Amino acid sequence: MVVHADGADITQEFYSTERFQKALANFTVQREADQNKTVLVASFVSGISLKVYVGIKNLELTVEAGEDFRGQMKGLLGNFNGNSSDDFRLPDGTLLSTSESDTDRKIFQNFGSKWEVHANNSIFEYAQGEGSHDYRHADFVPIFLDEVDNTTKEAAYRYCGADDIACVFDYVATGDVTFAENTKLTADVSRNERKARANTLPTINITQSLRNASHWKVYVGIVAILTIITEDPDNDTISCELINGNGHVQLNSSSGTIQYSPTSEDPVIIQ
């Protein structure tokens, strides 16, 4: 992957260290590792981040935008307002009717092609003597999934599942199982990340009063009991787990009760 930032080629610099990070005028470029992949992360002052990495004969791109951008976006990714019925909006603000977007071919012709990049609106960097026209193929027509024969689609559905349309499309378009599998894994990661971001952290309360710095005062030879109350705004199931203590500390994971029978005055860290 060749990396250009602010007009400069930083490819060698990017790959020279696993902890690469470079702050530029309006954004920061850094390198991350994700499941044995080298990922380039471009974080802009606006709050939008782009993640790019080399897939299988392709570049994978992920766009991350915060809640502040809800309803403020437009283009091929939709308007990010939570309503999928009004995503097919043209550059001039016109919303396509259902009859204008009820097939894949109509979506491409009436929506996708309207967002084509031209010389007057391209923000890409080009080699000397090149421009947007060198990468523009006005006569290109993609595969339309709803026009593919049922036998081919059924084979893709068996492999990808009926709900993973991206995997199905790549299976049909390339005939490459490995390529489709990578698409499927990428979609799974994206779904898990969205689920994790949407999850609300549980609250934890302790019924007894602790001393400063969360110290629990106990006495040698006397069984002490501490009760933890947990609540989850998403109504997820919560379980408690003891990851640090000693043989005299016991946890009831279902009730959240910690029982400790100290045998010495030595301090114990409980986590």
Foldseek 3Di string as FASTA:
>chain_A
DFDDDPRRTCPCVQPVDQFDWDDDDFWIWTWHADPNWIWIWIAGPVGKIWIWTDDPVDIDIDIDHDPVQAQVDADPVARNPPDPQQRQAAPVGRGDDCVQPVFQQSCCVVGVVRRDDDQVPDPDDDDPPDTVVVVDDPPDDADTPVPDDPVLLVVQCVLQNPPLVVLSRCCSRPVDNSRSVRSSVVVVVVVVVVVVVPFDDKDKDKPDDADPPRHDDDDAQDKDKIFIDIDGPVPDDDWDDKDFWDPQWDADRVRRMIIGHDHDPDDIDTD
